[in-house]
């Protein structure tokens, strides 16, 4: 058994499905989220306008990139979208709160960026859609 491929698959699944859940909070109000209207209102309150449009873009970026990473589909593109969404979140919300997530800082976002980059640079592994399509 190729334990490295299994390990990479587990990391992809956890990372990807976590981002799918975060996107679902913004887009649909699932998992305790506020949906587009609530997230859009919050975004406007921090000066990101039009809030609903940017809530949709953030939610769709998280959802789609999470699905792509979890499935190992178009992995470099999925990782790039994931990194972009996290960089925007850091710049607009988290950087001024410092590093630690307990204070609303960018710790969590930075971990997502590092994991997405590592997956993209190493490839999605043999248990992926990319491996099936692009042998």
N, C-alpha and C. Protein backbone atom coordinates (compact mmCIF):
# COMPACT_ATOMS: atom_id res chain seq x y z
N UNK A 1 0.84 -1.19 0.00
CA UNK A 1 0.00 0.00 0.00
C UNK A 1 0.88 1.24 0.00
N UNK A 2 0.46 2.24 -0.74
CA UNK A 2 1.18 3.50 -0.82
C UNK A 2 0.64 4.44 0.26
N UNK A 3 1.31 4.43 1.42
CA UNK A 3 0.83 5.23 2.55
C UNK A 3 0.92 6.72 2.29
N UNK A 4 1.88 7.17 1.51
CA UNK A 4 1.98 8.59 1.17
C UNK A 4 0.75 9.03 0.39
N UNK A 5 0.30 8.20 -0.56
CA UNK A 5 -0.89 8.55 -1.34
C UNK A 5 -2.13 8.57 -0.46
N UNK A 6 -2.21 7.64 0.49
CA UNK A 6 -3.36 7.62 1.41
C UNK A 6 -3.33 8.86 2.30
N UNK A 7 -2.15 9.21 2.80
CA UNK A 7 -2.02 10.39 3.65
C UNK A 7 -2.41 11.67 2.91
N UNK A 8 -1.95 11.78 1.67
CA UNK A 8 -2.30 12.94 0.86
C UNK A 8 -3.81 12.99 0.60
N UNK A 9 -4.41 11.84 0.36
CA UNK A 9 -5.85 11.77 0.15
C UNK A 9 -6.60 12.26 1.40
N UNK A 10 -6.16 11.84 2.58
CA UNK A 10 -6.81 12.26 3.83
C UNK A 10 -6.69 13.78 4.01
N UNK A 11 -5.51 14.32 3.77
CA UNK A 11 -5.31 15.77 3.89
C UNK A 11 -6.19 16.51 2.90
N UNK A 12 -6.24 16.03 1.66
CA UNK A 12 -7.09 16.68 0.65
C UNK A 12 -8.55 16.66 1.06
N UNK A 13 -9.01 15.51 1.55
CA UNK A 13 -10.41 15.41 1.96
C UNK A 13 -10.74 16.36 3.10
N UNK A 14 -9.92 16.36 4.13
CA UNK A 14 -10.20 17.21 5.29
C UNK A 14 -10.14 18.69 4.91
N UNK A 15 -9.09 19.08 4.20
CA UNK A 15 -8.97 20.47 3.78
C UNK A 15 -10.12 20.86 2.86
N UNK A 16 -10.34 20.05 1.83
CA UNK A 16 -11.36 20.38 0.85
C UNK A 16 -12.76 20.45 1.44
N UNK A 17 -13.13 19.44 2.22
CA UNK A 17 -14.49 19.43 2.77
C UNK A 17 -14.70 20.50 3.83
N UNK A 18 -13.62 20.88 4.52
CA UNK A 18 -13.73 22.01 5.45
C UNK A 18 -14.05 23.29 4.70
N UNK A 19 -13.40 23.51 3.56
CA UNK A 19 -13.69 24.70 2.77
C UNK A 19 -15.07 24.63 2.12
N UNK A 20 -15.50 23.44 1.72
CA UNK A 20 -16.87 23.28 1.20
C UNK A 20 -17.87 23.71 2.27
N UNK A 21 -17.65 23.29 3.51
CA UNK A 21 -18.55 23.66 4.61
C UNK A 21 -18.54 25.17 4.84
N UNK A 22 -17.37 25.79 4.82
CA UNK A 22 -17.29 27.25 5.00
C UNK A 22 -18.01 27.98 3.87
N UNK A 23 -17.82 27.52 2.65
CA UNK A 23 -18.53 28.12 1.53
C UNK A 23 -20.04 27.94 1.65
N UNK A 24 -20.46 26.78 2.14
CA UNK A 24 -21.89 26.50 2.33
C UNK A 24 -22.51 27.43 3.37
N UNK A 25 -21.73 27.79 4.38
CA UNK A 25 -22.23 28.75 5.37
C UNK A 25 -22.57 30.08 4.70
N UNK A 26 -21.68 30.54 3.84
CA UNK A 26 -21.88 31.82 3.19
C UNK A 26 -22.97 31.76 2.11
N UNK A 27 -22.96 30.70 1.33
CA UNK A 27 -23.89 30.61 0.20
C UNK A 27 -25.30 30.22 0.61
N UNK A 28 -25.42 29.24 1.50
CA UNK A 28 -26.73 28.63 1.78
C UNK A 28 -27.19 28.77 3.22
N UNK A 29 -26.33 29.28 4.10
CA UNK A 29 -26.70 29.37 5.51
C UNK A 29 -26.61 28.03 6.22
N UNK A 30 -25.95 27.06 5.64
CA UNK A 30 -25.81 25.74 6.27
C UNK A 30 -24.76 25.78 7.37
N UNK A 31 -24.79 24.79 8.24
CA UNK A 31 -23.78 24.61 9.29
C UNK A 31 -23.66 25.85 10.17
N UNK A 32 -24.77 26.49 10.45
CA UNK A 32 -24.77 27.65 11.33
C UNK A 32 -24.37 28.95 10.66
N UNK A 33 -24.27 28.95 9.34
CA UNK A 33 -23.89 30.16 8.62
C UNK A 33 -25.04 31.12 8.46
N UNK A 34 -24.76 32.26 7.84
CA UNK A 34 -25.75 33.32 7.71
C UNK A 34 -26.30 33.48 6.30
N UNK A 35 -25.82 32.65 5.37
CA UNK A 35 -26.30 32.76 4.00
C UNK A 35 -25.78 34.03 3.34
N UNK A 36 -26.20 34.21 2.10
CA UNK A 36 -25.71 35.37 1.33
C UNK A 36 -26.14 36.70 1.95
N UNK A 37 -27.39 36.77 2.36
CA UNK A 37 -27.89 38.04 2.90
C UNK A 37 -27.16 38.43 4.18
N UNK A 38 -27.05 37.49 5.10
CA UNK A 38 -26.38 37.79 6.37
C UNK A 38 -24.90 38.03 6.21
N UNK A 39 -24.24 37.20 5.41
CA UNK A 39 -22.81 37.38 5.18
C UNK A 39 -22.56 38.67 4.42
N UNK A 40 -23.43 38.96 3.45
CA UNK A 40 -23.31 40.21 2.70
C UNK A 40 -23.46 41.42 3.59
N UNK A 41 -24.40 41.37 4.50
CA UNK A 41 -24.59 42.47 5.46
C UNK A 41 -23.36 42.67 6.33
N UNK A 42 -22.79 41.55 6.80
CA UNK A 42 -21.56 41.65 7.60
C UNK A 42 -20.43 42.24 6.77
N UNK A 43 -20.30 41.79 5.52
CA UNK A 43 -19.24 42.32 4.66
C UNK A 43 -19.39 43.82 4.46
N UNK A 44 -20.60 44.27 4.25
CA UNK A 44 -20.82 45.72 4.11
C UNK A 44 -20.45 46.45 5.40
N UNK A 45 -20.71 45.83 6.55
CA UNK A 45 -20.41 46.48 7.83
C UNK A 45 -18.91 46.68 8.04
N UNK A 46 -18.08 45.89 7.35
CA UNK A 46 -16.64 46.07 7.46
C UNK A 46 -16.08 46.83 6.25
N UNK A 47 -16.98 47.34 5.40
CA UNK A 47 -16.57 48.18 4.29
C UNK A 47 -16.37 47.47 2.97
N UNK A 48 -16.74 46.20 2.87
CA UNK A 48 -16.61 45.45 1.62
C UNK A 48 -17.95 45.54 0.90
N UNK A 49 -17.99 46.32 -0.18
CA UNK A 49 -19.24 46.59 -0.89
C UNK A 49 -19.09 46.31 -2.37
N UNK A 50 -20.11 45.81 -3.04
CA UNK A 50 -21.40 45.37 -2.52
C UNK A 50 -21.27 44.03 -1.78
N UNK A 51 -21.77 44.00 -0.58
CA UNK A 51 -21.59 42.87 0.32
C UNK A 51 -22.10 41.55 -0.21
N UNK A 52 -23.29 41.55 -0.79
CA UNK A 52 -23.86 40.28 -1.27
C UNK A 52 -23.03 39.70 -2.41
N UNK A 53 -22.55 40.54 -3.29
CA UNK A 53 -21.71 40.06 -4.39
C UNK A 53 -20.43 39.44 -3.85
N UNK A 54 -19.77 40.12 -2.92
CA UNK A 54 -18.53 39.60 -2.38
C UNK A 54 -18.76 38.39 -1.47
N UNK A 55 -19.90 38.32 -0.81
CA UNK A 55 -20.24 37.11 -0.05
C UNK A 55 -20.39 35.93 -1.00
N UNK A 56 -21.04 36.18 -2.14
CA UNK A 56 -21.17 35.11 -3.14
C UNK A 56 -19.81 34.68 -3.67
N UNK A 57 -18.96 35.63 -4.02
CA UNK A 57 -17.64 35.30 -4.55
C UNK A 57 -16.80 34.53 -3.53
N UNK A 58 -16.82 34.97 -2.28
CA UNK A 58 -16.06 34.26 -1.24
C UNK A 58 -16.62 32.86 -1.03
N UNK A 59 -17.94 32.77 -0.91
CA UNK A 59 -18.57 31.46 -0.69
C UNK A 59 -18.37 30.52 -1.85
N UNK A 60 -18.54 31.03 -3.07
CA UNK A 60 -18.36 30.19 -4.26
C UNK A 60 -16.90 29.76 -4.40
N UNK A 61 -15.98 30.67 -4.09
CA UNK A 61 -14.56 30.33 -4.15
C UNK A 61 -14.20 29.24 -3.16
N UNK A 62 -14.69 29.36 -1.93
CA UNK A 62 -14.43 28.33 -0.92
C UNK A 62 -15.07 27.01 -1.32
N UNK A 63 -16.33 27.07 -1.74
CA UNK A 63 -17.07 25.85 -2.09
C UNK A 63 -16.42 25.13 -3.26
N UNK A 64 -16.18 25.85 -4.35
CA UNK A 64 -15.64 25.22 -5.56
C UNK A 64 -14.20 24.74 -5.36
N UNK A 65 -13.37 25.56 -4.73
CA UNK A 65 -11.98 25.13 -4.52
C UNK A 65 -11.92 23.96 -3.54
N UNK A 66 -12.82 23.96 -2.56
CA UNK A 66 -12.86 22.84 -1.62
C UNK A 66 -13.25 21.54 -2.31
N UNK A 67 -14.25 21.61 -3.18
CA UNK A 67 -14.62 20.41 -3.94
C UNK A 67 -13.47 19.94 -4.82
N UNK A 68 -12.81 20.89 -5.48
CA UNK A 68 -11.69 20.54 -6.35
C UNK A 68 -10.55 19.89 -5.60
N UNK A 69 -10.19 20.45 -4.46
CA UNK A 69 -9.11 19.87 -3.66
C UNK A 69 -9.52 18.50 -3.12
N UNK A 70 -10.73 18.39 -2.59
CA UNK A 70 -11.17 17.11 -2.04
C UNK A 70 -11.15 16.01 -3.10
N UNK A 71 -11.58 16.33 -4.30
CA UNK A 71 -11.62 15.34 -5.38
C UNK A 71 -10.28 15.19 -6.08
N UNK A 72 -9.39 16.14 -5.88
CA UNK A 72 -8.14 16.14 -6.63
C UNK A 72 -8.40 16.42 -8.10
N UNK A 73 -9.26 17.40 -8.34
CA UNK A 73 -9.67 17.75 -9.70
C UNK A 73 -9.16 19.14 -10.04
N UNK A 74 -8.44 19.24 -11.17
CA UNK A 74 -7.82 20.51 -11.57
C UNK A 74 -7.10 21.12 -10.37
N UNK A 75 -6.30 20.33 -9.75
CA UNK A 75 -5.69 20.65 -8.47
C UNK A 75 -4.96 22.00 -8.44
N UNK A 76 -4.12 22.32 -9.43
CA UNK A 76 -3.45 23.63 -9.37
C UNK A 76 -4.44 24.80 -9.40
N UNK A 77 -5.48 24.69 -10.20
CA UNK A 77 -6.49 25.75 -10.28
C UNK A 77 -7.27 25.83 -8.97
N UNK A 78 -7.68 24.68 -8.45
CA UNK A 78 -8.42 24.65 -7.18
C UNK A 78 -7.59 25.24 -6.06
N UNK A 79 -6.31 24.88 -6.01
CA UNK A 79 -5.43 25.42 -4.96
C UNK A 79 -5.25 26.92 -5.13
N UNK A 80 -5.10 27.40 -6.35
CA UNK A 80 -4.92 28.83 -6.59
C UNK A 80 -6.14 29.62 -6.13
N UNK A 81 -7.33 29.11 -6.41
CA UNK A 81 -8.56 29.78 -5.96
C UNK A 81 -8.62 29.79 -4.44
N UNK A 82 -8.28 28.67 -3.83
CA UNK A 82 -8.29 28.57 -2.37
C UNK A 82 -7.32 29.58 -1.76
N UNK A 83 -6.12 29.67 -2.30
CA UNK A 83 -5.13 30.62 -1.80
C UNK A 83 -5.62 32.05 -1.99
N UNK A 84 -6.18 32.36 -3.14
CA UNK A 84 -6.69 33.71 -3.40
C UNK A 84 -7.77 34.11 -2.39
N UNK A 85 -8.72 33.23 -2.14
CA UNK A 85 -9.79 33.53 -1.19
C UNK A 85 -9.21 33.77 0.21
N UNK A 86 -8.23 32.97 0.60
CA UNK A 86 -7.64 33.12 1.92
C UNK A 86 -6.80 34.40 2.03
N UNK A 87 -6.08 34.76 0.97
CA UNK A 87 -5.31 36.00 0.99
C UNK A 87 -6.25 37.20 1.13
N UNK A 88 -7.35 37.18 0.39
CA UNK A 88 -8.32 38.27 0.50
C UNK A 88 -8.89 38.33 1.92
N UNK A 89 -9.20 37.17 2.50
CA UNK A 89 -9.71 37.14 3.88
C UNK A 89 -8.69 37.71 4.86
N UNK A 90 -7.43 37.34 4.68
CA UNK A 90 -6.39 37.86 5.56
C UNK A 90 -6.29 39.37 5.45
N UNK A 91 -6.23 39.87 4.22
CA UNK A 91 -6.03 41.31 3.99
C UNK A 91 -7.22 42.12 4.48
N UNK A 92 -8.44 41.64 4.22
CA UNK A 92 -9.62 42.44 4.54
C UNK A 92 -10.10 42.29 5.98
N UNK A 93 -9.82 41.15 6.62
CA UNK A 93 -10.40 40.89 7.94
C UNK A 93 -9.36 40.58 9.01
N UNK A 94 -8.43 39.70 8.75
CA UNK A 94 -7.66 39.07 9.82
C UNK A 94 -6.32 39.72 10.16
N UNK A 95 -5.66 40.37 9.21
CA UNK A 95 -4.29 40.85 9.43
C UNK A 95 -4.21 41.83 10.60
N UNK A 96 -5.21 42.68 10.73
CA UNK A 96 -5.17 43.69 11.79
C UNK A 96 -5.42 43.09 13.18
N UNK A 97 -5.82 41.81 13.23
CA UNK A 97 -6.10 41.16 14.50
C UNK A 97 -4.94 40.29 14.97
N UNK A 98 -3.84 40.32 14.21
CA UNK A 98 -2.66 39.56 14.62
C UNK A 98 -2.69 38.13 14.10
N UNK A 99 -1.79 37.33 14.61
CA UNK A 99 -1.61 35.97 14.11
C UNK A 99 -2.65 34.98 14.65
N UNK A 100 -2.88 34.99 15.95
CA UNK A 100 -3.64 33.91 16.59
C UNK A 100 -5.12 33.92 16.24
N UNK A 101 -5.63 32.76 15.89
CA UNK A 101 -7.03 32.60 15.54
C UNK A 101 -7.96 32.92 16.69
N UNK A 102 -7.52 32.70 17.90
CA UNK A 102 -8.36 32.99 19.07
C UNK A 102 -8.70 34.47 19.17
N UNK A 103 -7.90 35.30 18.53
CA UNK A 103 -8.16 36.75 18.50
C UNK A 103 -8.74 37.19 17.16
N UNK A 104 -9.14 36.23 16.32
CA UNK A 104 -9.64 36.58 15.00
C UNK A 104 -8.55 36.79 13.97
N UNK A 105 -7.33 36.36 14.31
CA UNK A 105 -6.18 36.56 13.44
C UNK A 105 -6.15 35.60 12.26
N UNK A 106 -5.03 35.60 11.57
CA UNK A 106 -4.91 34.90 10.28
C UNK A 106 -4.30 33.50 10.38
N UNK A 107 -4.13 32.97 11.57
CA UNK A 107 -3.52 31.66 11.77
C UNK A 107 -4.19 30.57 10.91
N UNK A 108 -5.50 30.45 10.99
CA UNK A 108 -6.26 29.44 10.26
C UNK A 108 -6.10 29.62 8.75
N UNK A 109 -6.22 30.84 8.29
CA UNK A 109 -6.09 31.13 6.86
C UNK A 109 -4.70 30.77 6.33
N UNK A 110 -3.69 31.05 7.13
CA UNK A 110 -2.32 30.74 6.73
C UNK A 110 -2.11 29.23 6.62
N UNK A 111 -2.70 28.47 7.54
CA UNK A 111 -2.62 27.00 7.44
C UNK A 111 -3.29 26.49 6.17
N UNK A 112 -4.41 27.07 5.81
CA UNK A 112 -5.09 26.67 4.58
C UNK A 112 -4.22 26.99 3.37
N UNK A 113 -3.61 28.17 3.36
CA UNK A 113 -2.73 28.54 2.26
C UNK A 113 -1.56 27.56 2.15
N UNK A 114 -0.92 27.25 3.27
CA UNK A 114 0.22 26.34 3.26
C UNK A 114 -0.19 24.95 2.75
N UNK A 115 -1.32 24.44 3.22
CA UNK A 115 -1.77 23.11 2.79
C UNK A 115 -2.13 23.11 1.31
N UNK A 116 -2.81 24.14 0.84
CA UNK A 116 -3.18 24.21 -0.58
C UNK A 116 -1.94 24.29 -1.46
N UNK A 117 -0.96 25.09 -1.05
CA UNK A 117 0.28 25.18 -1.82
C UNK A 117 1.03 23.85 -1.83
N UNK A 118 1.10 23.19 -0.68
CA UNK A 118 1.79 21.91 -0.61
C UNK A 118 1.13 20.87 -1.51
N UNK A 119 -0.19 20.83 -1.49
CA UNK A 119 -0.91 19.88 -2.35
C UNK A 119 -0.67 20.21 -3.81
N UNK A 120 -0.73 21.48 -4.15
CA UNK A 120 -0.53 21.88 -5.55
C UNK A 120 0.88 21.56 -6.02
N UNK A 121 1.88 21.86 -5.20
CA UNK A 121 3.27 21.64 -5.58
C UNK A 121 3.63 20.16 -5.68
N UNK A 122 2.99 19.33 -4.84
CA UNK A 122 3.29 17.90 -4.83
C UNK A 122 2.36 17.09 -5.72
N UNK A 123 1.27 17.70 -6.15
CA UNK A 123 0.28 16.98 -6.94
C UNK A 123 -0.73 16.32 -6.03
N UNK A 124 -1.89 15.96 -6.58
CA UNK A 124 -2.98 15.45 -5.76
C UNK A 124 -2.82 13.99 -5.34
N UNK A 125 -1.87 13.29 -5.92
CA UNK A 125 -1.68 11.88 -5.56
C UNK A 125 -2.49 10.95 -6.45
N UNK A 126 -2.28 9.67 -6.22
CA UNK A 126 -2.88 8.67 -7.10
C UNK A 126 -4.37 8.48 -6.86
N UNK A 127 -4.87 8.85 -5.69
CA UNK A 127 -6.31 8.75 -5.41
C UNK A 127 -6.98 10.08 -5.72
N UNK A 128 -7.03 10.43 -7.00
CA UNK A 128 -7.58 11.73 -7.40
C UNK A 128 -8.16 11.64 -8.80
N UNK A 129 -9.05 12.56 -9.09
CA UNK A 129 -9.61 12.66 -10.44
C UNK A 129 -8.50 13.02 -11.43
N UNK A 130 -7.61 13.92 -11.02
CA UNK A 130 -6.51 14.29 -11.92
C UNK A 130 -5.68 13.08 -12.32
N UNK A 131 -5.42 12.17 -11.39
CA UNK A 131 -4.64 10.96 -11.70
C UNK A 131 -5.36 10.10 -12.74
N UNK A 132 -6.68 10.07 -12.66
CA UNK A 132 -7.45 9.30 -13.64
C UNK A 132 -7.48 9.97 -15.00
N UNK A 133 -7.59 11.28 -15.01
CA UNK A 133 -7.74 12.01 -16.29
C UNK A 133 -6.41 12.29 -16.98
N UNK A 134 -5.37 12.52 -16.20
CA UNK A 134 -4.12 13.00 -16.77
C UNK A 134 -2.95 12.07 -16.48
N UNK A 135 -3.12 10.80 -16.69
CA UNK A 135 -2.05 9.82 -16.43
C UNK A 135 -0.84 10.08 -17.27
